[in-house]
Amino acid sequence: MIKVVAPAQHHPENRTLEEFHRYWGETHGPLFANTASLRRYVQHLTLPEAYGGEPAPTFDGVSMFWYEELETEFAPAPDAETAELVRAVLGTRPEIIAPVAGGAASDDRKASLVRAVLKDDMQLFDRSLTWPMHHKRAFLAAEEIVIVDGETAPSMVKAIFIVSKLSGLTLSEFFERWEHVLGPLAARAPGLRRYVQNHGIAAAYGGSGNTHNGWSELWFDDLGSLRAALASPEWEAVRAEGAMLFAPSSGGRRARAHPEGSRLELQRLGSRRDDARGDRCAAGRAGLRDARRRPAGAGKAQACGGARGARGLDARPPGHAR
């Protein structure tokens, strides 16, 4: 299973942060969830109380997507308009290949959905092409490696560190030491409940728009527990090891306690949006949505395990915009 991360800033003029989070979860997310190849989709909403503190958030939210194989939803582009939208959203220049006249209706629906998603993206996120650009987005396809396989709960807080390797390191050297040396050090952090590394896949670097080399996800009971862990002696060892692996922050709102690269996202599990076509369940005090698209012929997906107050949500037919 391929996992993709896509953090972003909200559009600076169109909405407040609260309005942005609501629209993202209730309108934009369900629209993108109609993507046929999408297997799972999670939105992480930055904690309002995290702004102004340490570690400081770098993005206003993070999307994560799961696919069976490396996704090429936005390449090639069917027309010049879509190509320009892709350039603004992903920073790539896709080849323009016009659809074949009389082609399958499903191809037309896919092109229409892609265009609708990109247009909605442009008015929701900061996609301006003015420089500097590096702090506005990140994009990476990766494979997940679980370091600490602990239980999670909707009330927990999750930190996401998006990382880039130091120049001079090969990807093989970088990933091996990150997993086998830094991983065990970070696993000793007090209060850590679960820890996952995501290593960029080699096939994703061929013009796909990858901006970083990986990301880590760390779960804690609350924001205070996270901050205490990052101030602990155990984390000093992580920071020292990270200095030999990760490129320093090059801009944006940098967290001084940040040991793993240049981007940080903080979110409460109970306030994330997890939405994709297929079976759905809703749980958690802040409206957790969890949905996994079933492969053809598979049995009914299980509801969210251990979720309080779970309820079923409707499954829309393929191609139905929500």
Protein backbone atom coordinates (compact mmCIF):
# COMPACT_ATOMS: atom_id res chain seq x y z
CA MET A 1 0.00 0.00 0.00
CA ILE A 2 1.36 3.43 -1.00
CA LYS A 3 0.84 6.30 1.44
CA VAL A 4 0.95 9.96 0.37
CA VAL A 5 1.29 13.03 2.59
CA ALA A 6 0.24 16.53 1.50
CA PRO A 7 0.39 19.34 4.11
CA ALA A 8 -0.79 22.83 3.23
CA GLN A 9 -1.46 26.36 4.42
CA HIS A 10 -4.95 27.79 4.25
CA HIS A 11 -5.69 30.55 1.73
CA PRO A 12 -4.70 33.79 3.49
CA GLU A 13 -7.73 35.77 2.34
CA ASN A 14 -10.70 33.48 1.79
CA ARG A 15 -11.36 31.99 5.26
CA THR A 16 -10.39 32.07 8.90
CA LEU A 17 -8.56 29.01 10.21
CA GLU A 18 -11.78 27.68 11.77
CA GLU A 19 -13.72 28.20 8.53
CA PHE A 20 -10.89 26.60 6.56
CA HIS A 21 -10.92 23.46 8.72
CA ARG A 22 -14.70 23.18 8.44
CA TYR A 23 -14.81 23.61 4.65
CA TRP A 24 -11.89 21.22 4.16
CA GLY A 25 -13.62 18.51 6.16
CA GLU A 26 -17.21 19.02 5.02
CA THR A 27 -16.82 20.03 1.36
CA HIS A 28 -13.38 19.56 -0.17
CA GLY A 29 -12.66 16.21 1.49
CA PRO A 30 -15.86 14.49 0.35
CA LEU A 31 -15.27 15.82 -3.19
CA PHE A 32 -11.78 14.32 -3.42
CA ALA A 33 -13.02 11.10 -1.78
CA ASN A 34 -14.75 10.27 -5.09
CA THR A 35 -11.31 9.45 -6.57
CA ALA A 36 -11.70 5.87 -7.82
CA SER A 37 -8.22 4.63 -6.87
CA LEU A 38 -8.31 6.09 -3.35
CA ARG A 39 -8.37 3.47 -0.59
CA ARG A 40 -8.23 5.65 2.50
CA TYR A 41 -8.08 9.40 3.17
CA VAL A 42 -7.27 11.16 6.48
CA GLN A 43 -7.30 14.88 7.21
CA HIS A 44 -5.23 16.17 10.14
CA LEU A 45 -6.33 19.54 11.50
CA THR A 46 -3.74 21.60 13.35
CA LEU A 47 -4.61 22.26 16.99
CA PRO A 48 -5.53 25.94 17.52
CA GLU A 49 -3.88 25.87 20.96
CA ALA A 50 -0.58 24.75 19.39
CA TYR A 51 -0.05 28.09 17.60
CA GLY A 52 2.30 30.38 19.46
CA GLY A 53 3.78 27.54 21.53
CA GLU A 54 6.69 25.14 21.21
CA PRO A 55 6.90 23.15 19.06
CA ALA A 56 5.23 25.58 16.67
CA PRO A 57 3.07 24.25 13.81
CA THR A 58 4.41 24.81 10.29
CA PHE A 59 1.21 23.94 8.39
CA ASP A 60 -2.49 24.44 9.02
CA GLY A 61 -3.30 20.82 8.21
CA VAL A 62 -2.12 17.63 6.56
CA SER A 63 -3.87 15.19 4.22
CA MET A 64 -2.83 11.56 3.97
CA PHE A 65 -3.96 9.24 1.18
CA TRP A 66 -3.60 5.49 0.65
CA TYR A 67 -3.43 3.84 -2.78
CA GLU A 68 -2.80 0.30 -3.99
CA GLU A 69 -0.04 1.58 -6.28
CA LEU A 70 1.76 4.82 -7.06
CA GLU A 71 -0.93 7.31 -8.07
CA THR A 72 -0.78 9.32 -11.28
CA GLU A 73 -4.13 11.04 -10.92
CA PHE A 74 -2.78 14.42 -12.09
CA ALA A 75 -0.41 13.31 -14.91
CA PRO A 76 -0.84 13.68 -17.76
CA ALA A 77 -3.26 16.61 -17.92
CA PRO A 78 -6.16 16.53 -20.39
CA ASP A 79 -5.89 20.24 -21.25
CA ALA A 80 -3.86 23.42 -20.66
CA GLU A 81 -6.19 24.67 -17.91
CA THR A 82 -5.75 21.50 -15.88
CA ALA A 83 -1.98 21.57 -16.47
CA GLU A 84 -1.76 25.07 -14.97
CA LEU A 85 -3.83 23.99 -11.98
CA VAL A 86 -1.52 21.01 -11.40
CA ARG A 87 1.49 23.33 -11.59
CA ALA A 88 0.06 25.57 -8.88
CA VAL A 89 -1.03 22.71 -6.61
CA LEU A 90 1.90 20.27 -7.02
CA GLY A 91 4.63 22.39 -8.58
CA THR A 92 5.03 20.04 -11.56
CA ARG A 93 4.51 20.57 -15.30
CA PRO A 94 2.46 17.63 -16.56
CA GLU A 95 2.36 16.62 -20.20
CA ILE A 96 -0.86 17.64 -21.96
CA ILE A 97 -2.54 14.71 -23.70
CA ALA A 98 -6.04 15.45 -24.98
CA PRO A 99 -8.64 12.70 -24.43
CA VAL A 100 -9.40 10.48 -27.40
CA ALA A 101 -12.63 11.45 -29.13
CA GLY A 102 -15.34 8.96 -28.29
CA GLY A 103 -13.36 7.62 -25.34
CA ALA A 104 -14.87 5.93 -22.32
CA ALA A 105 -17.35 7.92 -20.25
CA SER A 106 -15.34 6.99 -17.15
CA ASP A 107 -12.37 8.93 -18.55
CA ASP A 108 -14.54 12.02 -18.95
CA ARG A 109 -15.81 11.67 -15.39
CA LYS A 110 -12.28 11.29 -14.07
CA ALA A 111 -11.07 14.40 -15.92
CA SER A 112 -14.07 16.39 -14.65
CA LEU A 113 -13.44 15.27 -11.07
CA VAL A 114 -9.73 16.14 -11.26
CA ARG A 115 -10.54 19.60 -12.60
CA ALA A 116 -13.18 20.20 -9.91
CA VAL A 117 -10.84 19.06 -7.13
CA LEU A 118 -8.00 21.28 -8.37
CA LYS A 119 -10.21 24.36 -8.73
CA ASP A 120 -11.58 23.86 -5.23
CA ASP A 121 -8.05 23.33 -3.94
CA MET A 122 -6.95 26.68 -5.40
CA GLN A 123 -9.51 28.68 -3.44
CA LEU A 124 -9.03 26.67 -0.22
CA PHE A 125 -5.22 26.46 0.15
CA ASP A 126 -2.41 28.96 -0.39
CA ARG A 127 -1.38 28.10 -3.98
CA SER A 128 0.11 31.47 -4.91
CA LEU A 129 3.20 31.20 -7.12
CA THR A 130 5.00 34.11 -5.49
CA TRP A 131 8.39 33.36 -3.95
CA PRO A 132 9.47 32.15 -1.46
CA MET A 133 7.61 28.89 -2.19
CA HIS A 134 9.20 26.26 0.04
CA HIS A 135 6.98 26.82 3.08
CA LYS A 136 3.63 26.54 1.27
CA ARG A 137 3.38 22.82 0.61
CA ALA A 138 4.95 19.39 0.85
CA PHE A 139 4.19 16.24 -1.11
CA LEU A 140 5.61 12.74 -0.77
CA ALA A 141 4.70 9.12 -1.59
CA ALA A 142 6.09 6.59 0.87
CA GLU A 143 5.83 3.18 2.50
CA GLU A 144 4.99 2.90 6.19
CA ILE A 145 7.30 1.33 8.79
CA VAL A 146 5.89 0.87 12.31
CA ILE A 147 8.48 1.43 15.05
CA VAL A 148 6.22 1.43 18.13
CA ASP A 149 3.00 -0.50 17.51
CA GLY A 150 0.89 0.96 20.31
CA GLU A 151 -2.83 1.55 20.75
CA THR A 152 -4.31 4.97 19.94
CA ALA A 153 -7.45 6.79 21.06
CA PRO A 154 -9.52 9.67 19.63
CA SER A 155 -8.46 11.97 22.49
CA MET A 156 -4.74 11.68 21.66
CA VAL A 157 -2.52 14.29 20.00
CA LYS A 158 -0.39 13.38 16.99
CA ALA A 159 2.79 15.10 15.81
CA ILE A 160 3.91 14.80 12.19
CA PHE A 161 7.52 15.61 11.29
CA ILE A 162 8.23 15.88 7.54
CA VAL A 163 11.90 15.29 6.82
CA SER A 164 14.60 15.80 4.20
CA LYS A 165 17.99 14.09 4.30
CA LEU A 166 21.28 15.93 4.45
CA SER A 167 23.00 16.31 1.10
CA GLY A 168 25.75 13.74 0.61
CA LEU A 169 23.66 10.87 2.01
CA THR A 170 22.18 8.30 -0.32
CA LEU A 171 18.54 7.38 0.24
CA SER A 172 19.62 3.88 1.28
CA GLU A 173 22.00 5.21 3.93
CA PHE A 174 19.44 7.73 5.13
CA PHE A 175 16.54 5.31 5.49
CA GLU A 176 18.63 2.56 7.12
CA ARG A 177 20.04 4.80 9.85
CA TRP A 178 16.73 6.60 10.41
CA GLU A 179 14.94 3.29 11.02
CA HIS A 180 17.60 1.31 12.88
CA VAL A 181 19.47 3.97 14.87
CA LEU A 182 17.28 7.05 15.32
CA GLY A 183 14.05 4.99 15.45
CA PRO A 184 14.98 3.09 18.65
CA LEU A 185 16.17 6.34 20.25
CA ALA A 186 12.87 8.10 19.54
CA ALA A 187 10.95 5.05 20.77
CA ARG A 188 12.31 5.75 24.28
CA ALA A 189 10.62 9.16 24.47
CA PRO A 190 8.51 9.37 27.64
CA GLY A 191 4.78 9.22 27.01
CA LEU A 192 5.08 8.03 23.40
CA ARG A 193 2.13 5.77 22.52
CA ARG A 194 2.75 4.96 18.86
CA TYR A 195 5.51 5.80 16.37
CA VAL A 196 5.51 5.34 12.59
CA GLN A 197 8.14 6.25 9.99
CA ASN A 198 7.25 6.72 6.32
CA HIS A 199 10.11 6.28 3.84
CA GLY A 200 9.84 7.83 0.36
CA ILE A 201 9.66 5.22 -2.39
CA ALA A 202 12.25 5.40 -5.17
CA ALA A 203 9.67 5.25 -7.97
CA ALA A 204 8.06 8.44 -6.66
CA TYR A 205 11.06 10.63 -7.45
CA GLY A 206 10.63 10.52 -11.22
CA GLY A 207 8.91 13.86 -11.75
CA SER A 208 6.07 13.18 -9.30
CA GLY A 209 6.55 16.37 -7.32
CA ASN A 210 8.13 14.84 -4.21
CA THR A 211 9.45 17.65 -2.02
CA HIS A 212 10.86 15.66 0.93
CA ASN A 213 12.24 12.23 1.77
CA GLY A 214 9.90 10.98 4.48
CA TRP A 215 7.85 11.77 7.54
CA SER A 216 7.28 10.43 11.03
CA GLU A 217 4.09 10.25 13.08
CA LEU A 218 4.12 10.23 16.89
CA TRP A 219 1.11 9.81 19.17
CA PHE A 220 0.84 11.20 22.73
CA ASP A 221 -1.98 11.44 25.26
CA ASP A 222 -2.11 15.22 25.03
CA LEU A 223 -0.16 18.29 23.94
CA GLY A 224 1.48 18.60 27.33
CA SER A 225 2.83 15.06 27.09
CA LEU A 226 4.24 15.80 23.63
CA ARG A 227 5.97 18.96 24.79
CA ALA A 228 7.40 17.16 27.84
CA ALA A 229 8.79 14.40 25.62
CA LEU A 230 10.51 16.88 23.32
CA ALA A 231 12.14 18.54 26.35
CA SER A 232 13.35 15.24 27.85
CA PRO A 233 16.92 13.85 28.01
CA GLU A 234 15.80 10.99 25.78
CA TRP A 235 14.89 13.46 23.06
CA GLU A 236 18.28 15.15 23.33
CA ALA A 237 19.75 11.88 22.01
CA VAL A 238 17.24 11.98 19.14
CA ARG A 239 18.20 15.56 18.37
CA ALA A 240 21.92 14.72 18.32
CA GLU A 241 21.38 11.78 15.96
CA GLY A 242 19.02 13.81 13.79
CA ALA A 243 21.71 16.45 13.25
CA MET A 244 23.64 13.83 11.27
CA LEU A 245 20.63 12.83 9.17
CA PHE A 246 18.17 15.63 8.57
CA ALA A 247 18.48 18.88 6.68
CA PRO A 248 17.82 21.90 8.93
CA SER A 249 14.73 24.01 8.55
CA SER A 250 14.97 26.47 5.68
CA GLY A 251 11.98 28.64 6.49
CA GLY A 252 8.42 28.77 7.71
CA ARG A 253 7.49 28.58 11.38
CA ARG A 254 10.30 26.44 12.70
CA ALA A 255 10.03 24.53 15.98
CA ARG A 256 13.29 24.82 17.89
CA ALA A 257 12.66 21.40 19.42
CA HIS A 258 12.27 19.97 15.93
CA PRO A 259 14.71 17.04 15.47
CA GLU A 260 13.44 15.60 12.22
CA GLY A 261 13.49 18.01 9.32
CA SER A 262 11.77 21.26 8.54
CA ARG A 263 8.04 20.71 8.82
CA LEU A 264 5.80 19.98 11.80
CA GLU A 265 2.06 19.37 12.10
CA LEU A 266 0.16 18.94 15.38
CA GLN A 267 -3.35 17.55 15.54
CA ARG A 268 -5.77 15.87 17.93
CA LEU A 269 -6.91 12.44 16.75
CA GLY A 270 -10.48 13.19 17.71
CA SER A 271 -10.55 16.18 15.35
CA ARG A 272 -9.21 14.54 12.22
CA ARG A 273 -11.30 13.81 9.15
CA ASP A 274 -10.83 10.36 7.63
CA ASP A 275 -12.98 10.04 4.54
CA ALA A 276 -13.10 7.87 1.43
CA ARG A 277 -15.76 6.14 -0.57
CA GLY A 278 -16.90 2.78 0.73
CA ASP A 279 -17.99 1.69 4.22
CA ARG A 280 -17.83 4.44 6.78
CA CYS A 281 -18.04 4.89 10.50
CA ALA A 282 -17.95 7.98 12.69
CA ALA A 283 -16.59 8.08 16.20
CA GLY A 284 -14.85 10.19 18.77
CA ARG A 285 -15.87 13.28 20.62
CA ALA A 286 -14.79 15.58 17.78
CA GLY A 287 -16.23 13.65 14.86
CA LEU A 288 -13.58 11.19 13.69
CA ARG A 289 -14.40 9.86 10.23
CA ASP A 290 -12.82 6.61 9.16
CA ALA A 291 -13.51 5.02 5.79
CA ARG A 292 -11.73 2.41 3.77
CA ARG A 293 -12.60 1.60 0.20
CA ARG A 294 -13.03 -2.16 -0.26
CA PRO A 295 -11.29 -3.95 -3.13
CA ALA A 296 -13.68 -5.55 -5.61
CA GLY A 297 -15.19 -8.71 -4.16
CA ALA A 298 -14.09 -8.03 -0.60
CA GLY A 299 -16.41 -8.45 2.34
CA LYS A 300 -17.81 -5.56 4.31
CA ALA A 301 -15.14 -3.48 6.04
CA GLN A 302 -15.13 -3.48 9.83
CA ALA A 303 -16.27 -0.42 11.73
CA CYS A 304 -13.73 1.63 13.70
CA GLY A 305 -12.46 -0.69 16.38
CA GLY A 306 -13.02 0.55 19.91
CA ALA A 307 -14.61 3.80 18.78
CA ARG A 308 -17.17 5.29 21.09
CA GLY A 309 -20.50 6.24 19.63
CA ALA A 310 -19.78 4.87 16.15
CA ARG A 311 -22.48 5.25 13.56
CA GLY A 312 -22.70 4.25 9.93
CA LEU A 313 -22.37 6.80 7.15
CA ASP A 314 -23.75 6.41 3.65
CA ALA A 315 -21.63 5.08 0.80
CA ARG A 316 -22.02 7.03 -2.44
CA PRO A 317 -21.90 5.40 -5.84
CA PRO A 318 -18.72 5.85 -7.91
CA GLY A 319 -18.50 9.24 -9.59
CA HIS A 320 -21.09 10.87 -7.35
CA ALA A 321 -19.83 14.25 -6.16
CA ARG A 322 -20.68 14.99 -2.58
